[in-house]
Amino acid sequence: MLNARNGHIELNGFDCDYISFGRGEDPLIMLPGVGDGFKTAKGIAVPFAMMYRCFAENFKVYAFSRRNDLPEGFTTADMADDLNDIMEALSIGPAHIFGVSQGGMIAQQMSIRHPDKVKSLVLAVTAPRPNDLMRESLGGWLEMADRDDYAGIMLDTAERSYTGAYLERGRMLNRILAMAKPADYTRFRVLCRSCLEHDAYDDLGKITCPVWIIGADQDRVLGGNASVELNEKIPGSRLYMYEGYSHGVYEQAKDFNRRVLRYLMWEKLR
């Protein structure tokens, strides 16, 4: 029913893993955050499709990881150019693009650099440029990576991502995930640094497609004001702020996926 498939593509000297699922004709591209530095889309099509099955009826959904071999200094703009090449190779587009955290930064660059490929944007808990809180959180993760403290990264991620009763669940889950220590931190470091160097602020006025921004007022990774900044700089954009949630609102808020679906269907039928 979900038609979930694991995919792999090689082109232009790089390769990446991706997932596809859904029965709709309209393409929807999902872009994850820096967690992709530890675990790519490889081999997880079925559980991923189950998690986001509400999109399956109306969209052909793709979730793309970053290229597998990430060189030092690779930027969010470079990642957007990779996505453009992948879309052309797979004959996808234009598409709705739903980016979370760093995925939202890539989505910003995509709509600025390759506007013909983008129908609409959903930018969730992301930022147009670095801020003090982002430097503190990602800088701390980079320091932990240098110390080979994977458990520290996972625990701090939980503390910064969840609120209320969900926080203890996040702590427990991340303690379990911390047992699968990565072989190295190269991808993770490149992704974190690319966030700290991302600055699309002055170019946001070039975005002409419909944009819906979702923020969280207690975001302890990049701050709720980052979503407000996006809304102020992107012409015609709309903003929805979750109250009482942090950076992991897309996992914690039970209505999150359905809320995104309602917006995408409204754009699809306009």
Protein backbone atom coordinates (compact mmCIF):
# COMPACT_ATOMS: atom_id res chain seq x y z
CA MET A 1 0.00 0.00 0.00
CA LEU A 2 2.80 2.46 0.86
CA ASN A 3 4.99 1.27 -2.02
CA ALA A 4 8.08 1.95 0.10
CA ARG A 5 11.42 1.53 -1.66
CA ASN A 6 15.07 1.98 -0.74
CA GLY A 7 17.01 3.80 -3.43
CA HIS A 8 20.62 4.62 -4.29
CA ILE A 9 21.83 6.98 -6.98
CA GLU A 10 25.27 7.66 -8.44
CA LEU A 11 25.98 10.70 -10.60
CA ASN A 12 28.51 13.46 -11.20
CA GLY A 13 31.10 11.80 -9.02
CA PHE A 14 28.94 11.35 -5.92
CA ASP A 15 26.33 8.96 -4.61
CA CYS A 16 23.56 9.10 -2.03
CA ASP A 17 20.83 6.99 -0.45
CA TYR A 18 17.15 7.83 -0.59
CA ILE A 19 13.67 6.57 0.16
CA SER A 20 10.55 6.75 -1.96
CA PHE A 21 6.97 5.88 -1.10
CA GLY A 22 3.39 6.91 -1.78
CA ARG A 23 0.78 6.62 -4.52
CA GLY A 24 0.28 10.26 -5.46
CA GLU A 25 1.62 11.95 -8.59
CA ASP A 26 2.63 15.25 -6.99
CA PRO A 27 6.24 14.99 -5.71
CA LEU A 28 7.08 15.85 -2.10
CA ILE A 29 10.73 15.92 -1.05
CA MET A 30 11.64 15.57 2.63
CA LEU A 31 15.05 16.72 3.87
CA PRO A 32 16.24 15.69 7.36
CA GLY A 33 18.60 17.51 9.74
CA VAL A 34 22.17 16.85 10.90
CA GLY A 35 21.19 13.42 12.25
CA ASP A 36 21.80 12.36 8.65
CA GLY A 37 25.47 12.64 9.56
CA PHE A 38 25.14 9.51 11.69
CA LYS A 39 22.40 7.56 9.92
CA THR A 40 21.46 7.97 6.26
CA ALA A 41 18.25 6.85 4.57
CA LYS A 42 19.85 3.53 3.63
CA GLY A 43 17.63 0.55 4.36
CA ILE A 44 14.92 2.30 6.38
CA ALA A 45 12.23 2.80 3.73
CA VAL A 46 9.49 0.79 5.46
CA PRO A 47 9.70 2.30 8.97
CA PHE A 48 10.16 5.78 7.50
CA ALA A 49 7.12 5.38 5.25
CA MET A 50 5.07 4.14 8.19
CA MET A 51 6.06 7.20 10.20
CA TYR A 52 4.97 9.56 7.42
CA ARG A 53 2.20 7.47 5.90
CA CYS A 54 -0.31 10.33 6.04
CA PHE A 55 1.40 11.80 2.95
CA ALA A 56 1.26 8.56 0.94
CA GLU A 57 -2.19 8.89 -0.62
CA ASN A 58 -1.71 12.32 -2.15
CA PHE A 59 2.03 12.53 -2.85
CA LYS A 60 4.95 10.63 -4.28
CA VAL A 61 7.34 11.16 -1.38
CA TYR A 62 11.14 11.16 -1.55
CA ALA A 63 13.53 11.51 1.39
CA PHE A 64 17.11 12.24 0.32
CA SER A 65 20.24 11.90 2.42
CA ARG A 66 23.29 14.06 1.72
CA ARG A 67 25.97 12.58 -0.51
CA ASN A 68 27.80 9.72 1.20
CA ASP A 69 31.28 11.18 0.84
CA LEU A 70 31.01 14.72 2.19
CA PRO A 71 34.16 16.80 1.60
CA GLU A 72 35.36 19.37 4.12
CA GLY A 73 33.82 22.78 3.57
CA PHE A 74 30.71 21.42 1.84
CA THR A 75 27.94 24.00 2.27
CA THR A 76 24.16 24.04 2.36
CA ALA A 77 24.32 25.68 -1.09
CA ASP A 78 26.41 22.74 -2.35
CA MET A 79 23.83 20.36 -0.88
CA ALA A 80 21.05 22.22 -2.72
CA ASP A 81 23.01 21.90 -5.98
CA ASP A 82 23.33 18.15 -5.34
CA LEU A 83 19.57 17.93 -4.83
CA ASN A 84 18.97 19.80 -8.07
CA ASP A 85 21.19 17.30 -9.93
CA ILE A 86 19.39 14.35 -8.30
CA MET A 87 15.97 15.73 -9.21
CA GLU A 88 17.06 16.12 -12.82
CA ALA A 89 18.55 12.62 -12.94
CA LEU A 90 15.36 11.06 -11.50
CA SER A 91 13.04 13.33 -13.53
CA ILE A 92 11.47 14.77 -10.38
CA GLY A 93 10.02 18.21 -10.28
CA PRO A 94 8.99 20.73 -9.60
CA ALA A 95 8.29 19.48 -6.07
CA HIS A 96 6.98 20.56 -2.71
CA ILE A 97 9.98 20.58 -0.36
CA PHE A 98 9.64 19.93 3.37
CA GLY A 99 12.87 20.62 5.25
CA VAL A 100 13.46 20.11 8.95
CA SER A 101 16.31 21.89 10.77
CA GLN A 102 19.35 21.69 8.45
CA GLY A 103 17.00 20.27 5.82
CA GLY A 104 15.18 23.59 5.96
CA MET A 105 18.44 25.43 5.32
CA ILE A 106 19.01 23.33 2.20
CA ALA A 107 15.41 24.01 1.16
CA GLN A 108 16.03 27.76 1.47
CA GLN A 109 19.09 27.46 -0.77
CA MET A 110 17.16 25.30 -3.22
CA SER A 111 14.40 27.87 -3.67
CA ILE A 112 16.96 30.68 -4.07
CA ARG A 113 19.34 28.86 -6.44
CA HIS A 114 16.90 26.59 -8.33
CA PRO A 115 13.45 28.21 -8.04
CA ASP A 116 12.10 26.29 -11.05
CA LYS A 117 12.36 23.06 -9.04
CA VAL A 118 10.25 24.24 -6.08
CA LYS A 119 6.43 24.39 -5.92
CA SER A 120 6.20 25.29 -2.25
CA LEU A 121 8.28 25.13 0.93
CA VAL A 122 7.63 23.92 4.45
CA LEU A 123 10.46 25.17 6.68
CA ALA A 124 10.32 23.51 10.10
CA VAL A 125 12.46 24.51 13.11
CA THR A 126 15.17 25.99 10.92
CA ALA A 127 17.08 29.25 10.60
CA PRO A 128 18.22 31.72 7.94
CA ARG A 129 21.63 32.31 9.55
CA PRO A 130 23.65 31.35 12.64
CA ASN A 131 22.70 32.81 16.01
CA ASP A 132 24.22 32.57 19.48
CA LEU A 133 22.10 29.61 20.58
CA MET A 134 22.93 27.67 17.41
CA ARG A 135 26.64 28.33 17.91
CA GLU A 136 26.34 27.06 21.48
CA SER A 137 24.40 23.89 20.65
CA LEU A 138 26.19 22.80 17.48
CA GLY A 139 29.54 24.00 18.78
CA GLY A 140 29.01 21.80 21.83
CA TRP A 141 28.23 18.79 19.64
CA LEU A 142 31.39 19.39 17.62
CA GLU A 143 33.45 19.50 20.81
CA MET A 144 31.86 16.22 21.95
CA ALA A 145 32.63 14.68 18.56
CA ASP A 146 36.26 15.69 18.99
CA ARG A 147 36.24 13.84 22.35
CA ASP A 148 34.52 10.79 20.83
CA ASP A 149 31.62 11.43 23.23
CA TYR A 150 28.73 10.04 21.19
CA ALA A 151 26.63 9.39 24.30
CA GLY A 152 27.07 13.06 25.25
CA ILE A 153 25.84 14.19 21.83
CA MET A 154 22.77 11.97 22.05
CA LEU A 155 21.88 13.03 25.58
CA ASP A 156 22.35 16.72 24.85
CA THR A 157 20.24 16.32 21.71
CA ALA A 158 17.43 14.87 23.81
CA GLU A 159 17.70 17.63 26.43
CA ARG A 160 17.55 20.30 23.75
CA SER A 161 14.86 18.68 21.59
CA TYR A 162 12.02 17.62 23.89
CA THR A 163 9.83 19.09 26.59
CA GLY A 164 7.51 17.89 29.33
CA ALA A 165 6.80 14.20 29.83
CA TYR A 166 8.20 13.46 26.36
CA LEU A 167 11.67 14.50 27.50
CA GLU A 168 12.23 11.36 29.61
CA ARG A 169 11.14 9.20 26.68
CA GLY A 170 13.65 11.03 24.49
CA ARG A 171 16.42 10.52 27.06
CA MET A 172 15.73 6.79 27.23
CA LEU A 173 15.58 6.38 23.44
CA ASN A 174 18.78 8.36 22.87
CA ARG A 175 20.60 6.32 25.54
CA ILE A 176 19.71 3.21 23.54
CA LEU A 177 20.77 4.82 20.26
CA ALA A 178 24.06 5.89 21.86
CA MET A 179 25.05 2.21 22.10
CA ALA A 180 25.51 2.12 18.30
CA LYS A 181 28.60 4.31 18.25
CA PRO A 182 29.59 5.61 14.79
CA ALA A 183 32.85 4.54 13.17
CA ASP A 184 33.82 8.19 12.79
CA TYR A 185 32.30 11.66 12.97
CA THR A 186 33.37 13.04 9.58
CA ARG A 187 29.87 13.41 8.05
CA PHE A 188 28.43 14.79 11.27
CA ARG A 189 31.19 17.40 11.58
CA VAL A 190 30.72 18.57 7.99
CA LEU A 191 26.96 18.90 8.46
CA CYS A 192 27.28 20.81 11.74
CA ARG A 193 29.84 23.19 10.28
CA SER A 194 27.68 23.80 7.22
CA CYS A 195 24.85 24.90 9.54
CA LEU A 196 27.18 27.30 11.33
CA GLU A 197 28.21 28.76 7.97
CA HIS A 198 24.71 28.88 6.45
CA ASP A 199 23.62 32.46 5.76
CA ALA A 200 20.75 32.95 3.34
CA TYR A 201 19.34 35.94 5.24
CA ASP A 202 20.02 38.61 2.62
CA ASP A 203 18.73 36.40 -0.23
CA LEU A 204 15.43 35.33 1.34
CA GLY A 205 13.60 38.08 -0.53
CA LYS A 206 14.33 36.17 -3.75
CA ILE A 207 12.04 33.31 -2.68
CA THR A 208 8.82 33.59 -4.67
CA CYS A 209 7.08 30.24 -4.04
CA PRO A 210 4.52 29.79 -1.23
CA VAL A 211 6.28 29.24 2.12
CA TRP A 212 4.95 27.96 5.43
CA ILE A 213 7.25 28.24 8.43
CA ILE A 214 6.83 26.14 11.58
CA GLY A 215 8.68 27.11 14.74
CA ALA A 216 8.73 26.18 18.42
CA ASP A 217 8.83 28.87 21.09
CA GLN A 218 11.10 26.81 23.39
CA ASP A 219 13.53 25.63 20.69
CA ARG A 220 16.82 25.04 22.51
CA VAL A 221 18.87 24.20 19.41
CA LEU A 222 18.41 27.32 17.29
CA GLY A 223 15.78 29.42 19.11
CA GLY A 224 12.21 30.27 18.23
CA ASN A 225 13.20 33.70 16.95
CA ALA A 226 14.92 32.05 13.97
CA SER A 227 11.48 31.15 12.58
CA VAL A 228 10.29 34.71 13.17
CA GLU A 229 13.30 36.01 11.22
CA LEU A 230 12.43 33.75 8.29
CA ASN A 231 8.85 34.94 8.31
CA GLU A 232 9.90 38.59 8.35
CA LYS A 233 12.29 38.18 5.41
CA ILE A 234 10.40 35.82 3.05
CA PRO A 235 7.68 37.74 1.16
CA GLY A 236 4.18 36.37 1.70
CA SER A 237 5.32 33.57 4.03
CA ARG A 238 3.12 32.34 6.85
CA LEU A 239 4.28 31.34 10.32
CA TYR A 240 2.89 28.88 12.84
CA MET A 241 4.57 28.72 16.25
CA TYR A 242 4.07 25.75 18.56
CA GLU A 243 3.96 26.80 22.20
CA GLY A 244 5.63 24.65 24.85
CA TYR A 245 7.69 22.63 22.38
CA SER A 246 11.38 22.58 21.47
CA HIS A 247 13.40 21.54 18.42
CA GLY A 248 11.94 18.02 18.30
CA VAL A 249 8.40 19.32 17.82
CA TYR A 250 8.15 17.36 14.55
CA GLU A 251 8.45 14.15 16.60
CA GLN A 252 6.68 15.25 19.77
CA ALA A 253 3.58 17.13 18.57
CA LYS A 254 0.92 14.58 17.63
CA ASP A 255 -0.70 16.89 15.08
CA PHE A 256 2.54 17.90 13.33
CA ASN A 257 2.37 15.69 10.21
CA ARG A 258 -1.35 16.23 9.75
CA ARG A 259 -0.86 19.99 10.04
CA VAL A 260 1.83 19.87 7.35
CA LEU A 261 -0.42 17.71 5.17
CA ARG A 262 -3.29 20.20 5.43
CA TYR A 263 -1.00 22.99 4.28
CA LEU A 264 0.41 20.97 1.37
CA MET A 265 -3.07 19.93 0.23
CA TRP A 266 -4.18 23.56 0.33
CA GLU A 267 -1.22 24.51 -1.88
CA LYS A 268 -1.76 21.49 -4.13
CA LEU A 269 -5.42 22.36 -4.78
CA ARG A 270 -5.03 26.11 -5.17
